[in-house]
């Protein structure tokens, strides 16, 4: 497993991190299998784990806390997120900070997450949605300074709304954030335009999420794929999105090198960008862990293949189903 510097914080984190949303409540998740996957990932060199209080109402955080408690001699970097008070994913333009992340509410959820994780200090606290307009009041800056000063958190970050990498550049430039989490993959290349240069200039770590475009870049979806009732993916892959996603994924197949899968291609595209500190694929099964860790060992893609993949950039606009 290769490791990378986590921005100005300086942590050495695994370039393949662990996204823990799926094990927090997706259909098909089972705790015994989830925990076996976490243990395997740790043994393969993964040391960065991303969770959130909203993932199964703290269940995902609790699983990470169990892992940490069993491996006290190993340095595990845990990142979690405060859910928006108004429970709106993504955030809405014009809604003030006081309705989404007021000081008392953030502090309340810091304590909840510390309890779930079993730690006194959270390595990385993130806000689960973000609007650059929230910088204006100055309240958030005071809250973050206070949490760091008292030792409740080590670093602070934001998780950007889907398909809006521009809506975080001001936060990066403000000096407030130590890390930014953003969707970045073969289709979603827009973070390279403004966000990544700003992060590079300001020493802000980049956490790349949704490397497989919620599944389409695994190459396993078809226009007939369905999900059980209540599964989040059923609301995301509405017919118009499923059909378009499958078509875009199929157009990539001729570019997959021999001995490589589409998922390998997707991860190695991201890892070929030195601006990325870590990428956090969801891994609910041990077979996923083995495959994703192997992408790190395989190394970056050839420049000529990267150039071909850039032509598959797919710029999309947020809609009512793209939460």
C-alpha atoms as a PDB file:
ATOM      1  CA  UNK A   1       0.000   0.000   0.000  1.00  0.00           C
ATOM      2  CA  UNK A   2       1.393   3.375  -0.981  1.00  0.00           C
ATOM      3  CA  UNK A   3       0.936   6.286   1.411  1.00  0.00           C
ATOM      4  CA  UNK A   4       0.569  10.011   0.717  1.00  0.00           C
ATOM      5  CA  UNK A   5       0.914  13.199   2.695  1.00  0.00           C
ATOM      6  CA  UNK A   6      -2.432  14.466   3.978  1.00  0.00           C
ATOM      7  CA  UNK A   7      -2.020  18.117   3.061  1.00  0.00           C
ATOM      8  CA  UNK A   8      -0.526  20.549   5.567  1.00  0.00           C
ATOM      9  CA  UNK A   9      -1.598  18.274   8.447  1.00  0.00           C
ATOM     10  CA  UNK A  10       1.243  16.011   7.393  1.00  0.00           C
ATOM     11  CA  UNK A  11      -0.308  12.638   8.210  1.00  0.00           C
ATOM     12  CA  UNK A  12       0.898   9.744   6.077  1.00  0.00           C
ATOM     13  CA  UNK A  13      -2.334   8.100   4.969  1.00  0.00           C
ATOM     14  CA  UNK A  14      -3.008   5.129   2.734  1.00  0.00           C
ATOM     15  CA  UNK A  15      -3.816   6.258  -0.788  1.00  0.00           C
ATOM     16  CA  UNK A  16      -6.676   3.759  -0.712  1.00  0.00           C
ATOM     17  CA  UNK A  17      -8.886   4.759   2.183  1.00  0.00           C
ATOM     18  CA  UNK A  18     -12.045   3.060   3.378  1.00  0.00           C
ATOM     19  CA  UNK A  19     -15.504   4.493   2.710  1.00  0.00           C
ATOM     20  CA  UNK A  20     -17.887   3.214   5.395  1.00  0.00           C
ATOM     21  CA  UNK A  21     -21.278   4.411   4.191  1.00  0.00           C
ATOM     22  CA  UNK A  22     -22.455   1.058   2.843  1.00  0.00           C
ATOM     23  CA  UNK A  23     -21.938  -0.844   6.076  1.00  0.00           C
ATOM     24  CA  UNK A  24     -23.933   1.750   7.966  1.00  0.00           C
ATOM     25  CA  UNK A  25     -27.263   0.648   6.582  1.00  0.00           C
ATOM     26  CA  UNK A  26     -27.331  -0.303   2.896  1.00  0.00           C
ATOM     27  CA  UNK A  27     -29.316  -3.399   2.038  1.00  0.00           C
ATOM     28  CA  UNK A  28     -27.129  -6.488   1.982  1.00  0.00           C
ATOM     29  CA  UNK A  29     -24.812  -5.272   4.746  1.00  0.00           C
ATOM     30  CA  UNK A  30     -24.026  -7.646   7.587  1.00  0.00           C
ATOM     31  CA  UNK A  31     -21.892  -6.672  10.559  1.00  0.00           C
ATOM     32  CA  UNK A  32     -19.752  -9.795  10.697  1.00  0.00           C
ATOM     33  CA  UNK A  33     -18.783  -9.452   7.055  1.00  0.00           C
ATOM     34  CA  UNK A  34     -18.303  -5.698   7.402  1.00  0.00           C
ATOM     35  CA  UNK A  35     -15.957  -6.092  10.329  1.00  0.00           C
ATOM     36  CA  UNK A  36     -13.980  -8.828   8.587  1.00  0.00           C
ATOM     37  CA  UNK A  37     -13.531  -6.416   5.680  1.00  0.00           C
ATOM     38  CA  UNK A  38     -12.313  -3.677   8.010  1.00  0.00           C
ATOM     39  CA  UNK A  39      -9.816  -6.030   9.628  1.00  0.00           C
ATOM     40  CA  UNK A  40      -8.529  -7.207   6.249  1.00  0.00           C
ATOM     41  CA  UNK A  41      -8.125  -3.634   5.003  1.00  0.00           C
ATOM     42  CA  UNK A  42      -6.099  -2.706   8.066  1.00  0.00           C
ATOM     43  CA  UNK A  43      -3.866  -5.727   7.563  1.00  0.00           C
ATOM     44  CA  UNK A  44      -3.281  -4.666   3.952  1.00  0.00           C
ATOM     45  CA  UNK A  45      -2.047  -1.215   4.961  1.00  0.00           C
ATOM     46  CA  UNK A  46      -5.258   0.846   4.866  1.00  0.00           C
ATOM     47  CA  UNK A  47      -5.108   3.374   7.707  1.00  0.00           C
ATOM     48  CA  UNK A  48      -7.666   6.035   6.698  1.00  0.00           C
ATOM     49  CA  UNK A  49     -11.335   5.344   7.388  1.00  0.00           C
ATOM     50  CA  UNK A  50     -14.183   7.705   6.493  1.00  0.00           C
ATOM     51  CA  UNK A  51     -17.513   7.450   8.270  1.00  0.00           C
ATOM     52  CA  UNK A  52     -20.377   9.722   9.380  1.00  0.00           C
ATOM     53  CA  UNK A  53     -22.965   9.926  12.115  1.00  0.00           C
ATOM     54  CA  UNK A  54     -25.657   9.693   9.440  1.00  0.00           C
ATOM     55  CA  UNK A  55     -24.409   6.275   8.290  1.00  0.00           C
ATOM     56  CA  UNK A  56     -26.852   4.045  10.119  1.00  0.00           C
ATOM     57  CA  UNK A  57     -27.471   6.603  12.889  1.00  0.00           C
ATOM     58  CA  UNK A  58     -23.937   6.149  14.207  1.00  0.00           C
ATOM     59  CA  UNK A  59     -23.620   2.425  13.460  1.00  0.00           C
ATOM     60  CA  UNK A  60     -20.770   2.897  11.002  1.00  0.00           C
ATOM     61  CA  UNK A  61     -18.926   5.060  13.546  1.00  0.00           C
ATOM     62  CA  UNK A  62     -19.371   2.345  16.164  1.00  0.00           C
ATOM     63  CA  UNK A  63     -17.835  -0.269  13.862  1.00  0.00           C
ATOM     64  CA  UNK A  64     -14.799   1.968  13.393  1.00  0.00           C
ATOM     65  CA  UNK A  65     -14.622   2.442  17.144  1.00  0.00           C
ATOM     66  CA  UNK A  66     -14.524  -1.336  17.597  1.00  0.00           C
ATOM     67  CA  UNK A  67     -11.692  -1.615  15.073  1.00  0.00           C
ATOM     68  CA  UNK A  68      -9.727   1.115  16.797  1.00  0.00           C
ATOM     69  CA  UNK A  69     -10.218  -0.499  20.213  1.00  0.00           C
ATOM     70  CA  UNK A  70      -8.835  -3.804  18.946  1.00  0.00           C
ATOM     71  CA  UNK A  71      -5.759  -2.228  17.376  1.00  0.00           C
ATOM     72  CA  UNK A  72      -4.531   0.323  19.880  1.00  0.00           C
ATOM     73  CA  UNK A  73      -0.916  -0.128  18.769  1.00  0.00           C
ATOM     74  CA  UNK A  74      -1.683   0.909  15.187  1.00  0.00           C
ATOM     75  CA  UNK A  75      -2.315   4.457  13.973  1.00  0.00           C
ATOM     76  CA  UNK A  76      -5.788   4.553  12.487  1.00  0.00           C
ATOM     77  CA  UNK A  77      -6.971   7.875  11.074  1.00  0.00           C
ATOM     78  CA  UNK A  78     -10.708   8.293  11.521  1.00  0.00           C
ATOM     79  CA  UNK A  79     -12.759  10.908   9.677  1.00  0.00           C
ATOM     80  CA  UNK A  80     -16.416  11.504  10.447  1.00  0.00           C
ATOM     81  CA  UNK A  81     -19.108  14.031   9.530  1.00  0.00           C
ATOM     82  CA  UNK A  82     -21.725  16.170  11.251  1.00  0.00           C
ATOM     83  CA  UNK A  83     -25.126  15.758   9.545  1.00  0.00           C
ATOM     84  CA  UNK A  84     -26.983  18.960   8.578  1.00  0.00           C
ATOM     85  CA  UNK A  85     -29.456  20.015  11.254  1.00  0.00           C
ATOM     86  CA  UNK A  86     -32.208  20.476   8.670  1.00  0.00           C
ATOM     87  CA  UNK A  87     -31.416  17.027   7.208  1.00  0.00           C
ATOM     88  CA  UNK A  88     -31.173  18.377   3.673  1.00  0.00           C
ATOM     89  CA  UNK A  89     -28.715  16.616   1.385  1.00  0.00           C
ATOM     90  CA  UNK A  90     -27.404  18.489  -0.544  1.00  0.00           C
ATOM     91  CA  UNK A  91     -27.512  21.906   1.122  1.00  0.00           C
ATOM     92  CA  UNK A  92     -29.807  24.551  -0.362  1.00  0.00           C
ATOM     93  CA  UNK A  93     -28.719  27.928  -1.661  1.00  0.00           C
ATOM     94  CA  UNK A  94     -29.601  30.788   0.635  1.00  0.00           C
ATOM     95  CA  UNK A  95     -30.216  28.716   3.783  1.00  0.00           C
ATOM     96  CA  UNK A  96     -28.189  30.360   6.564  1.00  0.00           C
ATOM     97  CA  UNK A  97     -25.545  28.555   8.615  1.00  0.00           C
ATOM     98  CA  UNK A  98     -27.643  28.877  11.787  1.00  0.00           C
ATOM     99  CA  UNK A  99     -30.242  26.508  10.291  1.00  0.00           C
ATOM    100  CA  UNK A 100     -27.708  23.882   9.244  1.00  0.00           C
ATOM    101  CA  UNK A 101     -24.597  23.964  11.467  1.00  0.00           C
ATOM    102  CA  UNK A 102     -25.100  26.308  14.449  1.00  0.00           C
ATOM    103  CA  UNK A 103     -22.348  26.219  17.064  1.00  0.00           C
ATOM    104  CA  UNK A 104     -24.303  24.345  19.759  1.00  0.00           C
ATOM    105  CA  UNK A 105     -25.484  21.736  17.277  1.00  0.00           C
ATOM    106  CA  UNK A 106     -21.979  21.065  15.917  1.00  0.00           C
ATOM    107  CA  UNK A 107     -20.668  20.680  19.461  1.00  0.00           C
ATOM    108  CA  UNK A 108     -23.502  18.282  20.288  1.00  0.00           C
ATOM    109  CA  UNK A 109     -22.645  16.045  17.357  1.00  0.00           C
ATOM    110  CA  UNK A 110     -18.928  16.177  18.065  1.00  0.00           C
ATOM    111  CA  UNK A 111     -19.744  14.642  21.439  1.00  0.00           C
ATOM    112  CA  UNK A 112     -22.067  12.059  19.867  1.00  0.00           C
ATOM    113  CA  UNK A 113     -19.409  11.015  17.366  1.00  0.00           C
ATOM    114  CA  UNK A 114     -16.667  10.878  19.990  1.00  0.00           C
ATOM    115  CA  UNK A 115     -18.881   8.520  21.968  1.00  0.00           C
ATOM    116  CA  UNK A 116     -19.578   6.300  18.969  1.00  0.00           C
ATOM    117  CA  UNK A 117     -15.899   6.229  17.964  1.00  0.00           C
ATOM    118  CA  UNK A 118     -14.676   5.742  21.514  1.00  0.00           C
ATOM    119  CA  UNK A 119     -12.140   8.566  21.276  1.00  0.00           C
ATOM    120  CA  UNK A 120     -11.458  11.811  23.080  1.00  0.00           C
ATOM    121  CA  UNK A 121     -10.218  13.520  19.917  1.00  0.00           C
ATOM    122  CA  UNK A 122     -11.638  13.088  16.416  1.00  0.00           C
ATOM    123  CA  UNK A 123      -8.889  13.088  13.805  1.00  0.00           C
ATOM    124  CA  UNK A 124     -10.923  14.792  11.087  1.00  0.00           C
ATOM    125  CA  UNK A 125     -14.319  16.365  11.619  1.00  0.00           C
ATOM    126  CA  UNK A 126     -16.179  17.252   8.430  1.00  0.00           C
ATOM    127  CA  UNK A 127     -19.457  18.982   7.678  1.00  0.00           C
ATOM    128  CA  UNK A 128     -21.610  16.652   5.600  1.00  0.00           C
ATOM    129  CA  UNK A 129     -22.800  19.422   3.248  1.00  0.00           C
ATOM    130  CA  UNK A 130     -21.310  22.762   2.371  1.00  0.00           C
ATOM    131  CA  UNK A 131     -22.009  26.271   1.076  1.00  0.00           C
ATOM    132  CA  UNK A 132     -19.180  28.777   0.622  1.00  0.00           C
ATOM    133  CA  UNK A 133     -21.602  31.521   1.671  1.00  0.00           C
ATOM    134  CA  UNK A 134     -21.400  30.193   5.255  1.00  0.00           C
ATOM    135  CA  UNK A 135     -17.935  31.710   5.621  1.00  0.00           C
ATOM    136  CA  UNK A 136     -19.334  35.236   5.830  1.00  0.00           C
ATOM    137  CA  UNK A 137     -20.674  35.162   9.392  1.00  0.00           C
ATOM    138  CA  UNK A 138     -17.434  34.074  11.016  1.00  0.00           C
ATOM    139  CA  UNK A 139     -19.302  31.803  13.447  1.00  0.00           C
ATOM    140  CA  UNK A 140     -17.944  28.599  11.951  1.00  0.00           C
ATOM    141  CA  UNK A 141     -14.369  29.833  12.170  1.00  0.00           C
ATOM    142  CA  UNK A 142     -14.882  30.440  15.895  1.00  0.00           C
ATOM    143  CA  UNK A 143     -16.449  27.010  16.410  1.00  0.00           C
ATOM    144  CA  UNK A 144     -13.611  25.188  14.647  1.00  0.00           C
ATOM    145  CA  UNK A 145     -10.932  27.141  16.536  1.00  0.00           C
ATOM    146  CA  UNK A 146     -12.623  26.311  19.804  1.00  0.00           C
ATOM    147  CA  UNK A 147     -12.896  22.588  19.023  1.00  0.00           C
ATOM    148  CA  UNK A 148      -9.232  22.397  18.040  1.00  0.00           C
ATOM    149  CA  UNK A 149      -8.058  24.412  21.028  1.00  0.00           C
ATOM    150  CA  UNK A 150      -9.847  22.196  23.522  1.00  0.00           C
ATOM    151  CA  UNK A 151      -8.632  19.008  21.804  1.00  0.00           C
ATOM    152  CA  UNK A 152     -12.005  17.723  20.570  1.00  0.00           C
ATOM    153  CA  UNK A 153     -10.774  17.559  16.952  1.00  0.00           C
ATOM    154  CA  UNK A 154      -7.371  17.532  15.261  1.00  0.00           C
ATOM    155  CA  UNK A 155      -8.411  18.741  11.821  1.00  0.00           C
ATOM    156  CA  UNK A 156     -11.459  20.173  10.080  1.00  0.00           C
ATOM    157  CA  UNK A 157     -12.873  19.544   6.637  1.00  0.00           C
ATOM    158  CA  UNK A 158     -15.913  19.830   4.416  1.00  0.00           C
ATOM    159  CA  UNK A 159     -17.732  17.389   2.145  1.00  0.00           C
ATOM    160  CA  UNK A 160     -18.839  19.120  -1.039  1.00  0.00           C
ATOM    161  CA  UNK A 161     -22.207  18.711  -2.699  1.00  0.00           C
ATOM    162  CA  UNK A 162     -22.456  16.435  -5.701  1.00  0.00           C
ATOM    163  CA  UNK A 163     -21.244  18.005  -8.958  1.00  0.00           C
ATOM    164  CA  UNK A 164     -20.372  21.344  -7.313  1.00  0.00           C
ATOM    165  CA  UNK A 165     -16.595  21.366  -6.793  1.00  0.00           C
ATOM    166  CA  UNK A 166     -16.565  25.132  -7.310  1.00  0.00           C
ATOM    167  CA  UNK A 167     -18.638  25.519  -4.130  1.00  0.00           C
ATOM    168  CA  UNK A 168     -15.697  24.985  -1.811  1.00  0.00           C
ATOM    169  CA  UNK A 169     -12.892  26.957  -3.414  1.00  0.00           C
ATOM    170  CA  UNK A 170     -13.493  29.960  -1.121  1.00  0.00           C
ATOM    171  CA  UNK A 171     -13.369  27.698   1.920  1.00  0.00           C
ATOM    172  CA  UNK A 172     -10.047  26.273   0.780  1.00  0.00           C
ATOM    173  CA  UNK A 173      -8.649  29.748   0.189  1.00  0.00           C
ATOM    174  CA  UNK A 174      -9.924  31.019   3.548  1.00  0.00           C
ATOM    175  CA  UNK A 175      -7.567  28.813   5.548  1.00  0.00           C
ATOM    176  CA  UNK A 176     -10.480  27.338   7.515  1.00  0.00           C
ATOM    177  CA  UNK A 177     -10.373  23.812   6.114  1.00  0.00           C
ATOM    178  CA  UNK A 178      -7.594  21.248   6.375  1.00  0.00           C
ATOM    179  CA  UNK A 179      -9.272  18.798   4.007  1.00  0.00           C
ATOM    180  CA  UNK A 180     -11.954  18.768   1.345  1.00  0.00           C
ATOM    181  CA  UNK A 181     -13.951  15.728   0.284  1.00  0.00           C
ATOM    182  CA  UNK A 182     -15.227  15.792  -3.283  1.00  0.00           C
ATOM    183  CA  UNK A 183     -16.605  13.464  -5.931  1.00  0.00           C
ATOM    184  CA  UNK A 184     -13.798  12.770  -8.382  1.00  0.00           C
ATOM    185  CA  UNK A 185     -13.659   9.970 -10.926  1.00  0.00           C
ATOM    186  CA  UNK A 186     -13.329   9.321 -14.667  1.00  0.00           C
ATOM    187  CA  UNK A 187     -16.666  11.011 -15.317  1.00  0.00           C
ATOM    188  CA  UNK A 188     -16.417  13.737 -12.673  1.00  0.00           C
ATOM    189  CA  UNK A 189     -13.192  15.519 -13.597  1.00  0.00           C
ATOM    190  CA  UNK A 190     -14.374  19.067 -12.829  1.00  0.00           C
ATOM    191  CA  UNK A 191     -12.469  19.289  -9.489  1.00  0.00           C
ATOM    192  CA  UNK A 192      -9.310  19.599 -11.576  1.00  0.00           C
ATOM    193  CA  UNK A 193     -10.452  22.984 -12.914  1.00  0.00           C
ATOM    194  CA  UNK A 194     -10.433  25.177  -9.787  1.00  0.00           C
ATOM    195  CA  UNK A 195     -10.609  23.097  -6.643  1.00  0.00           C
ATOM    196  CA  UNK A 196      -7.449  21.014  -6.949  1.00  0.00           C
ATOM    197  CA  UNK A 197      -5.213  23.982  -7.829  1.00  0.00           C
ATOM    198  CA  UNK A 198      -6.579  25.847  -4.797  1.00  0.00           C
ATOM    199  CA  UNK A 199      -5.957  22.832  -2.541  1.00  0.00           C
ATOM    200  CA  UNK A 200      -2.432  22.471  -3.889  1.00  0.00           C
ATOM    201  CA  UNK A 201      -1.672  26.142  -3.251  1.00  0.00           C
ATOM    202  CA  UNK A 202      -3.092  26.137   0.276  1.00  0.00           C
ATOM    203  CA  UNK A 203      -1.887  22.740   1.468  1.00  0.00           C
ATOM    204  CA  UNK A 204      -5.405  21.317   1.784  1.00  0.00           C
ATOM    205  CA  UNK A 205      -5.795  17.546   1.603  1.00  0.00           C
ATOM    206  CA  UNK A 206      -8.118  16.050  -1.033  1.00  0.00           C
ATOM    207  CA  UNK A 207     -10.331  13.069  -0.230  1.00  0.00           C
ATOM    208  CA  UNK A 208     -11.763  11.650  -3.460  1.00  0.00           C
ATOM    209  CA  UNK A 209     -15.118   9.985  -2.935  1.00  0.00           C
ATOM    210  CA  UNK A 210     -17.501   8.052  -5.223  1.00  0.00           C
ATOM    211  CA  UNK A 211     -14.648   6.621  -7.348  1.00  0.00           C
ATOM    212  CA  UNK A 212     -17.039   4.202  -9.057  1.00  0.00           C
ATOM    213  CA  UNK A 213     -19.811   6.742  -9.738  1.00  0.00           C
ATOM    214  CA  UNK A 214     -22.084   4.947  -7.238  1.00  0.00           C
ATOM    215  CA  UNK A 215     -21.497   1.680  -9.123  1.00  0.00           C
ATOM    216  CA  UNK A 216     -21.604   2.505 -12.820  1.00  0.00           C
ATOM    217  CA  UNK A 217     -17.779   2.522 -13.047  1.00  0.00           C
ATOM    218  CA  UNK A 218     -17.583  -1.031 -11.730  1.00  0.00           C
ATOM    219  CA  UNK A 219     -19.003  -2.128 -15.065  1.00  0.00           C
ATOM    220  CA  UNK A 220     -21.572  -4.321 -13.336  1.00  0.00           C
ATOM    221  CA  UNK A 221     -24.728  -2.243 -13.877  1.00  0.00           C
ATOM    222  CA  UNK A 222     -27.175  -2.778 -16.708  1.00  0.00           C
ATOM    223  CA  UNK A 223     -30.333  -0.932 -17.652  1.00  0.00           C
ATOM    224  CA  UNK A 224     -32.232  -3.745 -15.911  1.00  0.00           C
ATOM    225  CA  UNK A 225     -30.430  -3.451 -12.557  1.00  0.00           C
ATOM    226  CA  UNK A 226     -32.771  -2.894  -9.605  1.00  0.00           C
ATOM    227  CA  UNK A 227     -32.359  -2.394  -5.853  1.00  0.00           C
ATOM    228  CA  UNK A 228     -34.579  -3.337  -2.915  1.00  0.00           C
ATOM    229  CA  UNK A 229     -37.095  -0.852  -1.612  1.00  0.00           C
ATOM    230  CA  UNK A 230     -35.455   1.556   0.793  1.00  0.00           C
ATOM    231  CA  UNK A 231     -31.999   1.248  -0.762  1.00  0.00           C
ATOM    232  CA  UNK A 232     -30.586   4.718  -1.511  1.00  0.00           C
ATOM    233  CA  UNK A 233     -29.328   3.614  -4.925  1.00  0.00           C
ATOM    234  CA  UNK A 234     -32.880   3.007  -6.079  1.00  0.00           C
ATOM    235  CA  UNK A 235     -33.609   6.716  -5.685  1.00  0.00           C
ATOM    236  CA  UNK A 236     -30.351   7.780  -7.339  1.00  0.00           C
ATOM    237  CA  UNK A 237     -30.428   5.500 -10.357  1.00  0.00           C
ATOM    238  CA  UNK A 238     -33.787   6.655 -11.660  1.00  0.00           C
ATOM    239  CA  UNK A 239     -34.340   5.454 -15.257  1.00  0.00           C
ATOM    240  CA  UNK A 240     -32.892   8.583 -16.878  1.00  0.00           C
ATOM    241  CA  UNK A 241     -29.723   8.334 -14.787  1.00  0.00           C
ATOM    242  CA  UNK A 242     -29.337   4.563 -14.962  1.00  0.00           C
ATOM    243  CA  UNK A 243     -29.603   4.467 -18.743  1.00  0.00           C
ATOM    244  CA  UNK A 244     -27.150   7.338 -19.220  1.00  0.00           C
ATOM    245  CA  UNK A 245     -24.704   5.932 -16.652  1.00  0.00           C
ATOM    246  CA  UNK A 246     -24.667   2.497 -18.242  1.00  0.00           C
ATOM    247  CA  UNK A 247     -24.133   4.023 -21.685  1.00  0.00           C
ATOM    248  CA  UNK A 248     -21.182   6.114 -20.479  1.00  0.00           C
ATOM    249  CA  UNK A 249     -19.657   3.111 -18.721  1.00  0.00           C
ATOM    250  CA  UNK A 250     -20.013   0.889 -21.775  1.00  0.00           C
ATOM    251  CA  UNK A 251     -18.158   3.481 -23.854  1.00  0.00           C
ATOM    252  CA  UNK A 252     -15.132   2.903 -21.598  1.00  0.00           C
ATOM    253  CA  UNK A 253     -14.847  -0.835 -22.191  1.00  0.00           C
ATOM    254  CA  UNK A 254     -12.549  -0.617 -25.236  1.00  0.00           C
ATOM    255  CA  UNK A 255     -10.021   1.294 -23.109  1.00  0.00           C
ATOM    256  CA  UNK A 256      -9.698  -1.302 -20.331  1.00  0.00           C
ATOM    257  CA  UNK A 257      -6.203  -2.852 -20.531  1.00  0.00           C
ATOM    258  CA  UNK A 258      -5.788  -6.608 -20.609  1.00  0.00           C
ATOM    259  CA  UNK A 259      -5.871  -8.116 -17.131  1.00  0.00           C
ATOM    260  CA  UNK A 260      -7.585  -5.034 -15.707  1.00  0.00           C
ATOM    261  CA  UNK A 261     -11.208  -4.497 -14.681  1.00  0.00           C
ATOM    262  CA  UNK A 262     -13.226  -1.328 -15.090  1.00  0.00           C
ATOM    263  CA  UNK A 263     -13.063  -0.825 -11.328  1.00  0.00           C
ATOM    264  CA  UNK A 264      -9.255  -1.090 -11.443  1.00  0.00           C
ATOM    265  CA  UNK A 265      -9.206   1.455 -14.238  1.00  0.00           C
ATOM    266  CA  UNK A 266     -11.432   3.819 -12.246  1.00  0.00           C
ATOM    267  CA  UNK A 267      -9.283   3.700  -9.109  1.00  0.00           C
ATOM    268  CA  UNK A 268      -5.974   3.971 -10.926  1.00  0.00           C
ATOM    269  CA  UNK A 269      -7.228   7.009 -12.862  1.00  0.00           C
ATOM    270  CA  UNK A 270      -7.783   8.783  -9.543  1.00  0.00           C
ATOM    271  CA  UNK A 271      -4.498   7.597  -8.073  1.00  0.00           C
ATOM    272  CA  UNK A 272      -2.657   8.914 -11.122  1.00  0.00           C
ATOM    273  CA  UNK A 273      -3.431  12.437  -9.874  1.00  0.00           C
ATOM    274  CA  UNK A 274      -0.916  13.579  -7.225  1.00  0.00           C
ATOM    275  CA  UNK A 275      -3.388  16.197  -5.936  1.00  0.00           C
ATOM    276  CA  UNK A 276      -5.441  13.379  -4.378  1.00  0.00           C
ATOM    277  CA  UNK A 277      -4.413  12.499  -0.825  1.00  0.00           C
ATOM    278  CA  UNK A 278      -6.619   9.415  -0.545  1.00  0.00           C
ATOM    279  CA  UNK A 279      -9.565   7.834  -2.350  1.00  0.00           C
ATOM    280  CA  UNK A 280     -12.329   6.189  -0.313  1.00  0.00           C
ATOM    281  CA  UNK A 281     -14.151   3.406  -2.175  1.00  0.00           C
ATOM    282  CA  UNK A 282     -16.921   1.706  -0.249  1.00  0.00           C
ATOM    283  CA  UNK A 283     -15.864  -1.793   0.815  1.00  0.00           C
ATOM    284  CA  UNK A 284     -18.455  -4.023   2.438  1.00  0.00           C
ATOM    285  CA  UNK A 285     -16.909  -7.358   1.441  1.00  0.00           C
ATOM    286  CA  UNK A 286     -13.425  -8.814   1.690  1.00  0.00           C
ATOM    287  CA  UNK A 287     -13.307  -9.358  -2.077  1.00  0.00           C
ATOM    288  CA  UNK A 288     -13.754  -5.592  -2.526  1.00  0.00           C
ATOM    289  CA  UNK A 289     -10.873  -4.919  -0.147  1.00  0.00           C
ATOM    290  CA  UNK A 290      -8.516  -7.241  -2.010  1.00  0.00           C
ATOM    291  CA  UNK A 291      -9.407  -5.737  -5.399  1.00  0.00           C
ATOM    292  CA  UNK A 292      -9.132  -2.113  -4.284  1.00  0.00           C
ATOM    293  CA  UNK A 293      -5.850  -2.562  -2.439  1.00  0.00           C
ATOM    294  CA  UNK A 294      -4.420  -4.198  -5.576  1.00  0.00           C
ATOM    295  CA  UNK A 295      -5.097  -0.964  -7.489  1.00  0.00           C
ATOM    296  CA  UNK A 296      -2.546   0.798  -5.278  1.00  0.00           C
ATOM    297  CA  UNK A 297       0.035  -1.894  -5.925  1.00  0.00           C
ATOM    298  CA  UNK A 298      -0.535  -1.616  -9.688  1.00  0.00           C
ATOM    299  CA  UNK A 299       0.454   2.049  -9.713  1.00  0.00           C
ATOM    300  CA  UNK A 300      -0.575   4.962 -11.972  1.00  0.00           C
ATOM    301  CA  UNK A 301      -1.956   4.530 -15.478  1.00  0.00           C
ATOM    302  CA  UNK A 302       0.184   5.328 -18.542  1.00  0.00           C
ATOM    303  CA  UNK A 303      -0.080   8.997 -19.632  1.00  0.00           C
ATOM    304  CA  UNK A 304      -1.483   8.029 -23.019  1.00  0.00           C
ATOM    305  CA  UNK A 305      -4.354   6.125 -21.365  1.00  0.00           C
ATOM    306  CA  UNK A 306      -5.034   9.051 -19.014  1.00  0.00           C
ATOM    307  CA  UNK A 307      -5.296  11.286 -22.083  1.00  0.00           C
ATOM    308  CA  UNK A 308      -7.895   8.965 -23.598  1.00  0.00           C
ATOM    309  CA  UNK A 309      -9.896   8.813 -20.364  1.00  0.00           C
ATOM    310  CA  UNK A 310     -10.044  12.596 -20.177  1.00  0.00           C
ATOM    311  CA  UNK A 311     -12.313  12.517 -23.203  1.00  0.00           C
ATOM    312  CA  UNK A 312     -14.897  10.692 -21.097  1.00  0.00           C
ATOM    313  CA  UNK A 313     -15.439  13.640 -18.767  1.00  0.00           C
ATOM    314  CA  UNK A 314     -19.162  13.961 -18.100  1.00  0.00           C
ATOM    315  CA  UNK A 315     -20.257  17.281 -16.602  1.00  0.00           C
ATOM    316  CA  UNK A 316     -23.649  17.025 -14.932  1.00  0.00           C
ATOM    317  CA  UNK A 317     -26.001  19.433 -13.188  1.00  0.00           C
ATOM    318  CA  UNK A 318     -27.520  18.625  -9.769  1.00  0.00           C
ATOM    319  CA  UNK A 319     -31.167  17.538  -9.896  1.00  0.00           C
ATOM    320  CA  UNK A 320     -33.816  16.449  -7.420  1.00  0.00           C
ATOM    321  CA  UNK A 321     -32.489  12.850  -7.494  1.00  0.00           C
ATOM    322  CA  UNK A 322     -28.757  13.634  -7.262  1.00  0.00           C
ATOM    323  CA  UNK A 323     -28.664  14.128  -3.468  1.00  0.00           C
END
